[in-house]
């Protein structure tokens, strides 16, 4: 399968620094990481119609988990009117960390042991469906620990009606722990007083 992304199809002990990329055609992703381990992505500015960075993917024969990836000091700007996550980790990811990043529309989380620290994460805008203002959406959740520490969630949603963090645990395969430490939620919408 050809690599269609500026940074893709990597394998072991890799890094990408100071990448500035715009991929606005269809589902193109500026950075897609598959079958790769022990990677570092830093100081990047990525623009996309959908996901700015995507990790993992399918589980065909010969594929390996995306593991031990550190993403730091990056800005991820996608098209918020579509409601997709600007960052995306699939179910065959583990030990992934985002540090000091800005995500303009939803962090998608799947796999095991995923961490966001000192990040600013914006929710879905109220003009789309679902207009829930969710900042984090998780599916393909395997288990382990999902952690948010010192993060700032900015939403237009009503926290009483919708959660800022939504994780689908229906198909998890092992124990799961959610840690939220020293985070703040700012609601810019009509339900500001009801944020929870």
N, C-alpha and C. Protein backbone atom coordinates (compact mmCIF):
# COMPACT_ATOMS: atom_id res chain seq x y z
N UNK A 1 0.86 -1.18 0.00
CA UNK A 1 0.00 0.00 0.00
C UNK A 1 0.90 1.23 0.00
N UNK A 2 0.70 2.14 -0.93
CA UNK A 2 1.55 3.33 -0.96
C UNK A 2 1.26 4.24 0.22
N UNK A 3 2.27 4.98 0.63
CA UNK A 3 2.10 5.96 1.70
C UNK A 3 1.59 7.26 1.07
N UNK A 4 0.45 7.72 1.51
CA UNK A 4 -0.18 8.89 0.91
C UNK A 4 -0.06 10.14 1.77
N UNK A 5 0.65 10.06 2.87
CA UNK A 5 0.75 11.17 3.80
C UNK A 5 2.18 11.70 3.81
N UNK A 6 2.39 13.00 4.13
CA UNK A 6 3.74 13.51 4.23
C UNK A 6 4.61 12.73 5.22
N UNK A 7 4.01 12.23 6.30
CA UNK A 7 4.74 11.41 7.26
C UNK A 7 3.88 10.18 7.51
N UNK A 8 4.27 9.04 6.95
CA UNK A 8 3.44 7.84 7.09
C UNK A 8 4.28 6.60 6.89
N UNK A 9 3.68 5.46 7.24
CA UNK A 9 4.31 4.16 7.00
C UNK A 9 5.71 4.09 7.59
N UNK A 10 5.87 4.64 8.76
CA UNK A 10 7.15 4.63 9.44
C UNK A 10 7.28 3.35 10.24
N UNK A 11 8.45 3.05 10.78
CA UNK A 11 8.56 1.78 11.49
C UNK A 11 9.03 1.94 12.93
N UNK A 12 10.32 2.22 13.19
CA UNK A 12 10.81 2.22 14.56
C UNK A 12 11.80 3.35 14.77
N UNK A 13 11.71 4.00 15.94
CA UNK A 13 12.66 5.02 16.34
C UNK A 13 12.72 6.16 15.32
N UNK A 14 11.60 6.86 15.17
CA UNK A 14 11.53 7.93 14.18
C UNK A 14 11.15 9.23 14.85
N UNK A 15 11.36 10.33 14.13
CA UNK A 15 10.94 11.63 14.63
C UNK A 15 10.55 12.53 13.47
N UNK A 16 9.67 13.47 13.77
CA UNK A 16 9.28 14.51 12.82
C UNK A 16 9.18 15.80 13.61
N UNK A 17 9.93 16.81 13.21
CA UNK A 17 10.01 18.07 13.94
C UNK A 17 9.75 19.23 13.00
N UNK A 18 9.04 20.22 13.52
CA UNK A 18 8.77 21.46 12.79
C UNK A 18 8.11 21.20 11.43
N UNK A 19 7.15 20.30 11.41
CA UNK A 19 6.38 20.04 10.19
C UNK A 19 5.24 21.05 10.12
N UNK A 20 5.12 21.72 8.97
CA UNK A 20 3.96 22.57 8.69
C UNK A 20 3.31 21.98 7.45
N UNK A 21 2.08 21.53 7.61
CA UNK A 21 1.43 20.86 6.51
C UNK A 21 -0.05 21.18 6.48
N UNK A 22 -0.58 21.32 5.28
CA UNK A 22 -2.00 21.52 5.08
C UNK A 22 -2.50 20.47 4.11
N UNK A 23 -3.48 19.69 4.53
CA UNK A 23 -4.06 18.64 3.69
C UNK A 23 -5.57 18.78 3.76
N UNK A 24 -6.15 19.55 2.86
CA UNK A 24 -7.57 19.86 2.93
C UNK A 24 -8.41 19.08 1.92
N UNK A 25 -7.79 18.21 1.14
CA UNK A 25 -8.53 17.44 0.14
C UNK A 25 -9.11 16.18 0.76
N UNK A 26 -10.42 16.09 0.84
CA UNK A 26 -11.09 14.88 1.32
C UNK A 26 -10.63 14.44 2.69
N UNK A 27 -10.22 13.17 2.77
CA UNK A 27 -9.79 12.58 4.04
C UNK A 27 -8.27 12.57 4.22
N UNK A 28 -7.55 13.38 3.49
CA UNK A 28 -6.09 13.39 3.59
C UNK A 28 -5.66 13.84 4.99
N UNK A 29 -4.67 13.16 5.55
CA UNK A 29 -4.15 13.49 6.87
C UNK A 29 -2.71 13.95 6.73
N UNK A 30 -2.34 15.09 7.33
CA UNK A 30 -0.95 15.52 7.25
C UNK A 30 0.02 14.50 7.84
N UNK A 31 -0.34 13.87 8.97
CA UNK A 31 0.51 12.82 9.54
C UNK A 31 -0.35 11.60 9.85
N UNK A 32 0.03 10.46 9.29
CA UNK A 32 -0.62 9.19 9.59
C UNK A 32 0.47 8.21 9.99
N UNK A 33 0.32 7.60 11.16
CA UNK A 33 1.35 6.69 11.67
C UNK A 33 0.75 5.30 11.80
N UNK A 34 1.33 4.33 11.11
CA UNK A 34 0.87 2.95 11.15
C UNK A 34 2.09 2.03 11.32
N UNK A 35 1.87 0.87 11.94
CA UNK A 35 2.93 -0.14 12.08
C UNK A 35 4.24 0.47 12.59
N UNK A 36 4.14 1.34 13.57
CA UNK A 36 5.30 2.12 14.00
C UNK A 36 5.39 2.17 15.52
N UNK A 37 6.62 2.24 16.01
CA UNK A 37 6.85 2.31 17.46
C UNK A 37 8.01 3.23 17.77
N UNK A 38 7.98 3.79 18.99
CA UNK A 38 9.04 4.65 19.50
C UNK A 38 9.25 5.86 18.61
N UNK A 39 8.21 6.73 18.55
CA UNK A 39 8.29 7.91 17.70
C UNK A 39 8.11 9.20 18.46
N UNK A 40 8.62 10.29 17.88
CA UNK A 40 8.52 11.62 18.47
C UNK A 40 8.06 12.59 17.38
N UNK A 41 6.97 13.30 17.67
CA UNK A 41 6.46 14.35 16.79
C UNK A 41 6.46 15.63 17.61
N UNK A 42 7.12 16.68 17.13
CA UNK A 42 7.18 17.90 17.95
C UNK A 42 7.18 19.16 17.09
N UNK A 43 6.69 20.24 17.71
CA UNK A 43 6.72 21.58 17.14
C UNK A 43 6.12 21.63 15.73
N UNK A 44 4.94 21.03 15.58
CA UNK A 44 4.28 20.97 14.28
C UNK A 44 3.03 21.83 14.25
N UNK A 45 2.68 22.30 13.06
CA UNK A 45 1.42 22.97 12.81
C UNK A 45 0.76 22.26 11.65
N UNK A 46 -0.34 21.56 11.94
CA UNK A 46 -0.98 20.72 10.95
C UNK A 46 -2.42 21.17 10.72
N UNK A 47 -2.79 21.31 9.46
CA UNK A 47 -4.14 21.73 9.06
C UNK A 47 -4.74 20.63 8.21
N UNK A 48 -6.00 20.28 8.50
CA UNK A 48 -6.64 19.21 7.77
C UNK A 48 -8.14 19.44 7.69
N UNK A 49 -8.76 18.84 6.71
CA UNK A 49 -10.21 18.85 6.64
C UNK A 49 -10.79 17.97 7.73
N UNK A 50 -10.09 16.88 8.06
CA UNK A 50 -10.57 15.89 9.02
C UNK A 50 -9.56 15.72 10.15
N UNK A 51 -8.87 14.59 10.24
CA UNK A 51 -7.86 14.38 11.28
C UNK A 51 -6.53 15.02 10.85
N UNK A 52 -5.90 15.73 11.75
CA UNK A 52 -4.57 16.29 11.47
C UNK A 52 -3.48 15.26 11.69
N UNK A 53 -3.70 14.40 12.67
CA UNK A 53 -2.78 13.30 12.94
C UNK A 53 -3.63 12.08 13.29
N UNK A 54 -3.30 10.97 12.66
CA UNK A 54 -4.03 9.73 12.91
C UNK A 54 -3.02 8.63 13.18
N UNK A 55 -3.31 7.82 14.18
CA UNK A 55 -2.41 6.72 14.54
C UNK A 55 -3.18 5.42 14.58
N UNK A 56 -2.50 4.35 14.18
CA UNK A 56 -3.12 3.03 14.21
C UNK A 56 -3.89 2.78 12.95
N UNK A 57 -4.90 1.98 13.06
CA UNK A 57 -5.71 1.65 11.89
C UNK A 57 -6.22 0.24 11.99
N UNK A 58 -6.04 -0.51 10.95
CA UNK A 58 -6.61 -1.85 10.87
C UNK A 58 -5.75 -2.88 11.59
N UNK A 59 -6.28 -4.10 11.68
CA UNK A 59 -5.57 -5.17 12.39
C UNK A 59 -5.32 -6.37 11.48
N UNK A 60 -4.99 -6.13 10.20
CA UNK A 60 -4.70 -7.22 9.29
C UNK A 60 -3.43 -7.97 9.70
N UNK A 61 -3.24 -9.16 9.14
CA UNK A 61 -2.02 -9.94 9.38
C UNK A 61 -0.81 -9.09 9.01
N UNK A 62 0.19 -9.13 9.86
CA UNK A 62 1.42 -8.39 9.61
C UNK A 62 1.44 -6.99 10.20
N UNK A 63 0.30 -6.52 10.71
CA UNK A 63 0.30 -5.20 11.31
C UNK A 63 0.73 -5.31 12.77
N UNK A 64 1.33 -4.24 13.26
CA UNK A 64 1.78 -4.19 14.65
C UNK A 64 1.15 -2.97 15.31
N UNK A 65 1.03 -2.98 16.63
CA UNK A 65 0.46 -1.80 17.30
C UNK A 65 1.34 -0.57 17.13
N UNK A 66 0.70 0.58 17.06
CA UNK A 66 1.43 1.84 17.15
C UNK A 66 1.65 2.07 18.63
N UNK A 67 2.91 2.17 19.04
CA UNK A 67 3.23 2.16 20.47
C UNK A 67 4.36 3.14 20.78
N UNK A 68 4.29 3.72 21.98
CA UNK A 68 5.35 4.60 22.49
C UNK A 68 5.58 5.80 21.56
N UNK A 69 4.52 6.60 21.39
CA UNK A 69 4.60 7.80 20.56
C UNK A 69 4.38 9.01 21.46
N UNK A 70 5.28 9.99 21.37
CA UNK A 70 5.16 11.25 22.10
C UNK A 70 4.96 12.37 21.10
N UNK A 71 3.85 13.10 21.27
CA UNK A 71 3.54 14.24 20.42
C UNK A 71 3.56 15.47 21.33
N UNK A 72 4.40 16.45 21.00
CA UNK A 72 4.54 17.60 21.90
C UNK A 72 4.61 18.92 21.13
N UNK A 73 4.07 19.96 21.77
CA UNK A 73 4.16 21.33 21.27
C UNK A 73 3.64 21.46 19.84
N UNK A 74 2.50 20.86 19.58
CA UNK A 74 1.92 20.90 18.24
C UNK A 74 0.56 21.60 18.27
N UNK A 75 0.18 22.14 17.11
CA UNK A 75 -1.13 22.75 16.92
C UNK A 75 -1.84 21.96 15.83
N UNK A 76 -3.07 21.49 16.13
CA UNK A 76 -3.85 20.69 15.20
C UNK A 76 -5.13 21.45 14.86
N UNK A 77 -5.25 21.89 13.63
CA UNK A 77 -6.39 22.69 13.19
C UNK A 77 -7.11 21.97 12.06
N UNK A 78 -8.30 21.46 12.36
CA UNK A 78 -9.09 20.83 11.31
C UNK A 78 -10.33 21.67 11.03
N UNK A 79 -11.24 21.12 10.22
CA UNK A 79 -12.47 21.82 9.88
C UNK A 79 -13.53 21.49 10.93
N UNK A 80 -13.76 22.36 11.89
CA UNK A 80 -14.68 22.02 12.98
C UNK A 80 -16.12 21.80 12.53
N UNK A 81 -16.49 22.33 11.38
CA UNK A 81 -17.88 22.17 10.93
C UNK A 81 -18.21 20.72 10.56
N UNK A 82 -17.18 19.87 10.40
CA UNK A 82 -17.41 18.46 10.12
C UNK A 82 -17.56 17.63 11.41
N UNK A 83 -17.06 18.16 12.53
CA UNK A 83 -17.22 17.48 13.81
C UNK A 83 -16.26 16.34 14.08
N UNK A 84 -15.29 16.10 13.20
CA UNK A 84 -14.32 15.03 13.41
C UNK A 84 -13.23 15.48 14.38
N UNK A 85 -12.58 14.52 15.01
CA UNK A 85 -11.48 14.85 15.91
C UNK A 85 -10.24 15.29 15.14
N UNK A 86 -9.62 16.35 15.61
CA UNK A 86 -8.38 16.80 14.98
C UNK A 86 -7.23 15.83 15.26
N UNK A 87 -7.30 15.14 16.41
CA UNK A 87 -6.33 14.07 16.70
C UNK A 87 -7.11 12.77 16.80
N UNK A 88 -6.46 11.65 16.40
CA UNK A 88 -7.17 10.38 16.33
C UNK A 88 -6.23 9.22 16.66
N UNK A 89 -6.58 8.45 17.69
CA UNK A 89 -5.85 7.21 17.97
C UNK A 89 -6.83 6.06 17.87
N UNK A 90 -6.44 5.04 17.10
CA UNK A 90 -7.29 3.87 16.88
C UNK A 90 -7.04 2.80 17.94
N UNK A 91 -7.80 1.72 17.83
CA UNK A 91 -7.76 0.66 18.84
C UNK A 91 -6.45 -0.08 18.94
N UNK A 92 -5.63 -0.07 17.90
CA UNK A 92 -4.35 -0.78 18.01
C UNK A 92 -3.21 0.19 18.33
N UNK A 93 -3.50 1.17 19.18
CA UNK A 93 -2.50 2.11 19.69
C UNK A 93 -2.32 1.89 21.19
N UNK A 94 -1.12 2.08 21.66
CA UNK A 94 -0.90 2.03 23.11
C UNK A 94 0.30 2.88 23.49
N UNK A 95 0.22 3.41 24.69
CA UNK A 95 1.29 4.27 25.23
C UNK A 95 1.55 5.47 24.32
N UNK A 96 0.50 6.26 24.13
CA UNK A 96 0.55 7.46 23.30
C UNK A 96 0.37 8.67 24.21
N UNK A 97 1.19 9.72 24.03
CA UNK A 97 1.07 10.92 24.85
C UNK A 97 1.08 12.17 23.98
N UNK A 98 0.15 13.08 24.29
CA UNK A 98 0.11 14.41 23.69
C UNK A 98 0.43 15.40 24.81
N UNK A 99 1.48 16.18 24.64
CA UNK A 99 1.93 17.12 25.67
C UNK A 99 2.00 18.52 25.07
N UNK A 100 1.43 19.51 25.76
CA UNK A 100 1.50 20.92 25.34
C UNK A 100 0.97 21.14 23.93
N UNK A 101 -0.17 20.57 23.62
CA UNK A 101 -0.74 20.69 22.28
C UNK A 101 -2.05 21.48 22.32
N UNK A 102 -2.42 22.05 21.17
CA UNK A 102 -3.71 22.71 20.99
C UNK A 102 -4.48 21.94 19.93
N UNK A 103 -5.70 21.53 20.27
CA UNK A 103 -6.55 20.75 19.38
C UNK A 103 -7.82 21.55 19.18
N UNK A 104 -8.08 22.02 17.94
CA UNK A 104 -9.18 22.97 17.76
C UNK A 104 -10.55 22.32 17.69
N UNK A 105 -10.63 21.00 17.52
CA UNK A 105 -11.95 20.37 17.49
C UNK A 105 -11.83 18.89 17.83
N UNK A 106 -12.05 18.54 19.04
CA UNK A 106 -12.20 17.17 19.54
C UNK A 106 -10.91 16.34 19.45
N UNK A 107 -10.61 15.68 20.54
CA UNK A 107 -9.55 14.67 20.59
C UNK A 107 -10.23 13.31 20.56
N UNK A 108 -9.97 12.51 19.52
CA UNK A 108 -10.50 11.15 19.44
C UNK A 108 -9.51 10.21 20.12
N UNK A 109 -10.03 9.30 20.95
CA UNK A 109 -9.15 8.40 21.70
C UNK A 109 -9.61 6.97 21.56
N UNK A 110 -8.68 6.08 21.28
CA UNK A 110 -8.93 4.65 21.26
C UNK A 110 -7.64 3.93 21.61
N UNK A 111 -7.72 2.64 21.90
CA UNK A 111 -6.53 1.87 22.24
C UNK A 111 -6.38 1.70 23.74
N UNK A 112 -5.12 1.75 24.20
CA UNK A 112 -4.86 1.63 25.64
C UNK A 112 -3.73 2.57 26.04
N UNK A 113 -3.84 3.09 27.25
CA UNK A 113 -2.83 3.99 27.82
C UNK A 113 -2.58 5.21 26.92
N UNK A 114 -3.58 6.07 26.85
CA UNK A 114 -3.51 7.30 26.07
C UNK A 114 -3.53 8.47 27.05
N UNK A 115 -2.67 9.46 26.80
CA UNK A 115 -2.51 10.56 27.76
C UNK A 115 -2.46 11.91 27.06
N UNK A 116 -3.18 12.88 27.63
CA UNK A 116 -3.10 14.27 27.21
C UNK A 116 -2.68 15.08 28.44
N UNK A 117 -1.63 15.87 28.31
CA UNK A 117 -1.15 16.69 29.43
C UNK A 117 -0.89 18.11 28.96
N UNK A 118 -1.38 19.07 29.73
CA UNK A 118 -1.19 20.50 29.45
C UNK A 118 -1.64 20.85 28.03
N UNK A 119 -2.76 20.31 27.62
CA UNK A 119 -3.30 20.58 26.28
C UNK A 119 -4.56 21.44 26.38
N UNK A 120 -4.83 22.20 25.33
CA UNK A 120 -6.09 22.92 25.18
C UNK A 120 -6.89 22.20 24.12
N UNK A 121 -8.09 21.75 24.48
CA UNK A 121 -8.92 20.96 23.58
C UNK A 121 -10.28 21.63 23.43
N UNK A 122 -10.60 22.01 22.21
CA UNK A 122 -11.88 22.65 21.91
C UNK A 122 -12.91 21.59 21.54
N UNK A 123 -14.17 21.86 21.88
CA UNK A 123 -15.25 20.93 21.58
C UNK A 123 -15.86 21.19 20.22
N UNK A 124 -16.79 20.30 19.86
CA UNK A 124 -17.54 20.47 18.62
C UNK A 124 -18.34 21.77 18.69
N UNK A 125 -18.44 22.48 17.57
CA UNK A 125 -19.23 23.71 17.58
C UNK A 125 -20.73 23.39 17.67
N UNK A 126 -21.53 24.30 18.19
CA UNK A 126 -22.96 24.04 18.37
C UNK A 126 -23.73 23.98 17.06
N UNK A 127 -23.13 24.42 15.97
CA UNK A 127 -23.84 24.49 14.69
C UNK A 127 -23.89 23.16 13.94
N UNK A 128 -23.24 22.11 14.49
CA UNK A 128 -23.21 20.83 13.78
C UNK A 128 -24.02 19.78 14.53
N UNK A 129 -24.23 18.64 13.90
CA UNK A 129 -24.90 17.51 14.55
C UNK A 129 -23.87 16.41 14.76
N UNK A 130 -23.61 15.92 15.97
CA UNK A 130 -24.30 16.38 17.18
C UNK A 130 -23.70 17.68 17.68
N UNK A 131 -24.52 18.59 18.09
CA UNK A 131 -24.06 19.86 18.62
C UNK A 131 -23.85 19.78 20.12
N UNK A 132 -23.16 18.75 20.56
CA UNK A 132 -23.02 18.50 22.00
C UNK A 132 -21.88 19.25 22.65
N UNK A 133 -21.00 19.85 21.86
CA UNK A 133 -19.87 20.57 22.43
C UNK A 133 -18.80 19.67 23.00
N UNK A 134 -18.90 18.35 22.75
CA UNK A 134 -17.93 17.40 23.30
C UNK A 134 -16.50 17.71 22.90
N UNK A 135 -15.60 17.63 23.86
CA UNK A 135 -14.18 17.89 23.60
C UNK A 135 -13.40 16.61 23.34
N UNK A 136 -13.85 15.50 23.92
CA UNK A 136 -13.16 14.22 23.77
C UNK A 136 -14.18 13.17 23.39
N UNK A 137 -13.85 12.37 22.38
CA UNK A 137 -14.70 11.26 22.00
C UNK A 137 -13.83 10.01 21.91
N UNK A 138 -14.24 8.96 22.59
CA UNK A 138 -13.45 7.73 22.58
C UNK A 138 -14.24 6.55 22.07
N UNK A 139 -13.67 5.84 21.12
CA UNK A 139 -14.21 4.57 20.66
C UNK A 139 -13.01 3.65 20.42
N UNK A 140 -13.26 2.42 20.08
CA UNK A 140 -12.17 1.44 19.94
C UNK A 140 -11.32 1.42 21.22
N UNK A 141 -11.97 1.60 22.35
CA UNK A 141 -11.27 1.63 23.63
C UNK A 141 -10.94 0.21 24.07
N UNK A 142 -9.66 -0.10 24.18
CA UNK A 142 -9.22 -1.44 24.58
C UNK A 142 -9.17 -1.57 26.09
N UNK A 143 -8.55 -0.59 26.76
CA UNK A 143 -8.44 -0.62 28.20
C UNK A 143 -7.23 0.16 28.66
N UNK A 144 -6.70 -0.18 29.83
CA UNK A 144 -5.56 0.55 30.37
C UNK A 144 -6.02 1.84 30.99
N UNK A 145 -5.17 2.88 30.93
CA UNK A 145 -5.45 4.16 31.56
C UNK A 145 -5.52 5.26 30.51
N UNK A 146 -6.63 6.00 30.53
CA UNK A 146 -6.77 7.21 29.73
C UNK A 146 -6.64 8.37 30.71
N UNK A 147 -5.73 9.29 30.43
CA UNK A 147 -5.42 10.33 31.41
C UNK A 147 -5.44 11.72 30.79
N UNK A 148 -6.03 12.66 31.54
CA UNK A 148 -5.98 14.08 31.21
C UNK A 148 -5.43 14.79 32.43
N UNK A 149 -4.34 15.51 32.26
CA UNK A 149 -3.80 16.27 33.39
C UNK A 149 -3.45 17.68 32.93
N UNK A 150 -3.85 18.65 33.75
CA UNK A 150 -3.58 20.06 33.48
C UNK A 150 -4.08 20.49 32.10
N UNK A 151 -5.20 19.95 31.67
CA UNK A 151 -5.77 20.29 30.37
C UNK A 151 -6.86 21.34 30.53
N UNK A 152 -7.09 22.07 29.46
CA UNK A 152 -8.13 23.10 29.40
C UNK A 152 -9.11 22.69 28.32
N UNK A 153 -10.36 22.43 28.71
CA UNK A 153 -11.41 22.08 27.77
C UNK A 153 -12.27 23.31 27.52
N UNK A 154 -12.47 23.66 26.24
CA UNK A 154 -13.28 24.82 25.89
C UNK A 154 -14.44 24.33 25.03
N UNK A 155 -15.67 24.58 25.49
CA UNK A 155 -16.83 24.02 24.83
C UNK A 155 -17.97 25.03 24.73
N UNK A 156 -18.83 24.82 23.74
CA UNK A 156 -20.07 25.57 23.65
C UNK A 156 -21.23 24.72 24.14
N UNK A 157 -20.93 23.52 24.62
CA UNK A 157 -21.98 22.60 25.03
C UNK A 157 -22.52 22.89 26.41
N UNK A 158 -23.61 22.23 26.73
CA UNK A 158 -24.24 22.32 28.03
C UNK A 158 -23.82 21.07 28.81
N UNK A 159 -22.98 21.24 29.80
CA UNK A 159 -22.44 20.11 30.54
C UNK A 159 -23.48 19.31 31.29
N UNK A 160 -24.64 19.90 31.57
CA UNK A 160 -25.69 19.17 32.26
C UNK A 160 -26.35 18.15 31.33
N UNK A 161 -26.41 18.48 30.05
CA UNK A 161 -27.05 17.60 29.07
C UNK A 161 -26.06 16.67 28.38
N UNK A 162 -24.84 17.14 28.15
CA UNK A 162 -23.84 16.38 27.42
C UNK A 162 -22.54 16.39 28.21
N UNK A 163 -21.78 15.34 28.09
CA UNK A 163 -20.48 15.30 28.75
C UNK A 163 -19.40 15.97 27.92
N UNK A 164 -18.42 16.54 28.57
CA UNK A 164 -17.27 17.11 27.89
C UNK A 164 -16.37 16.00 27.37
N UNK A 165 -16.30 14.89 28.13
CA UNK A 165 -15.55 13.70 27.73
C UNK A 165 -16.54 12.56 27.57
N UNK A 166 -16.55 11.95 26.39
CA UNK A 166 -17.43 10.80 26.14
C UNK A 166 -16.59 9.64 25.65
N UNK A 167 -16.61 8.52 26.37
CA UNK A 167 -15.85 7.34 26.00
C UNK A 167 -16.79 6.14 25.89
N UNK A 168 -16.75 5.47 24.75
CA UNK A 168 -17.54 4.26 24.53
C UNK A 168 -16.72 3.06 24.99
N UNK A 169 -17.14 2.42 26.06
CA UNK A 169 -16.39 1.30 26.64
C UNK A 169 -17.05 -0.05 26.37
N UNK A 170 -18.00 -0.07 25.49
CA UNK A 170 -18.78 -1.28 25.24
C UNK A 170 -17.92 -2.47 24.80
N UNK A 171 -16.90 -2.24 24.01
CA UNK A 171 -16.10 -3.34 23.47
C UNK A 171 -14.71 -3.45 24.09
N UNK A 172 -14.51 -2.86 25.27
CA UNK A 172 -13.18 -2.93 25.88
C UNK A 172 -12.82 -4.36 26.20
N UNK A 173 -11.51 -4.64 26.18
CA UNK A 173 -11.02 -6.00 26.37
C UNK A 173 -10.33 -6.20 27.72
N UNK A 174 -10.08 -5.14 28.45
CA UNK A 174 -9.40 -5.24 29.75
C UNK A 174 -9.87 -4.11 30.65
N UNK A 175 -9.39 -4.11 31.89
CA UNK A 175 -9.77 -3.07 32.84
C UNK A 175 -9.42 -1.69 32.29
N UNK A 176 -10.23 -0.73 32.67
CA UNK A 176 -10.08 0.64 32.16
C UNK A 176 -10.12 1.62 33.32
N UNK A 177 -9.22 2.59 33.31
CA UNK A 177 -9.20 3.65 34.31
C UNK A 177 -9.17 5.00 33.60
N UNK A 178 -10.03 5.92 34.02
CA UNK A 178 -10.02 7.29 33.51
C UNK A 178 -9.52 8.19 34.63
N UNK A 179 -8.46 8.94 34.36
CA UNK A 179 -7.92 9.90 35.31
C UNK A 179 -8.04 11.30 34.73
N UNK A 180 -8.69 12.19 35.47
CA UNK A 180 -8.79 13.60 35.08
C UNK A 180 -8.25 14.39 36.26
N UNK A 181 -7.09 15.04 36.06
CA UNK A 181 -6.42 15.73 37.17
C UNK A 181 -6.13 17.18 36.81
N UNK A 182 -6.55 18.09 37.66
CA UNK A 182 -6.21 19.51 37.53
C UNK A 182 -6.57 20.07 36.16
N UNK A 183 -7.76 19.73 35.67
CA UNK A 183 -8.24 20.23 34.38
C UNK A 183 -9.31 21.29 34.62
N UNK A 184 -9.54 22.12 33.61
CA UNK A 184 -10.61 23.13 33.71
C UNK A 184 -11.52 22.99 32.50
N UNK A 185 -12.79 23.38 32.70
CA UNK A 185 -13.77 23.38 31.62
C UNK A 185 -14.33 24.79 31.51
N UNK A 186 -14.25 25.36 30.33
CA UNK A 186 -14.81 26.68 30.06
C UNK A 186 -15.94 26.51 29.07
N UNK A 187 -17.16 26.86 29.46
CA UNK A 187 -18.29 26.80 28.54
C UNK A 187 -18.58 28.18 28.03
N UNK A 188 -18.58 28.31 26.72
CA UNK A 188 -18.89 29.60 26.07
C UNK A 188 -20.33 29.62 25.58
N UNK A 189 -21.06 28.53 25.88
CA UNK A 189 -22.44 28.41 25.40
C UNK A 189 -23.45 28.81 26.44
N UNK A 190 -24.73 28.57 26.11
CA UNK A 190 -25.82 28.99 27.00
C UNK A 190 -25.87 28.18 28.28
N UNK A 191 -25.23 27.00 28.30
CA UNK A 191 -25.26 26.18 29.51
C UNK A 191 -24.06 26.34 30.38
N UNK A 192 -23.45 27.51 30.34
CA UNK A 192 -22.20 27.72 31.07
C UNK A 192 -22.32 27.38 32.56
N UNK A 193 -23.46 27.72 33.17
CA UNK A 193 -23.61 27.49 34.60
C UNK A 193 -23.82 26.02 34.92
N UNK A 194 -24.12 25.21 33.90
CA UNK A 194 -24.41 23.81 34.13
C UNK A 194 -23.26 22.88 33.78
N UNK A 195 -22.09 23.42 33.50
CA UNK A 195 -20.96 22.59 33.11
C UNK A 195 -20.57 21.69 34.26
N UNK A 196 -20.33 20.42 33.96
CA UNK A 196 -19.91 19.49 35.01
C UNK A 196 -18.71 18.69 34.53
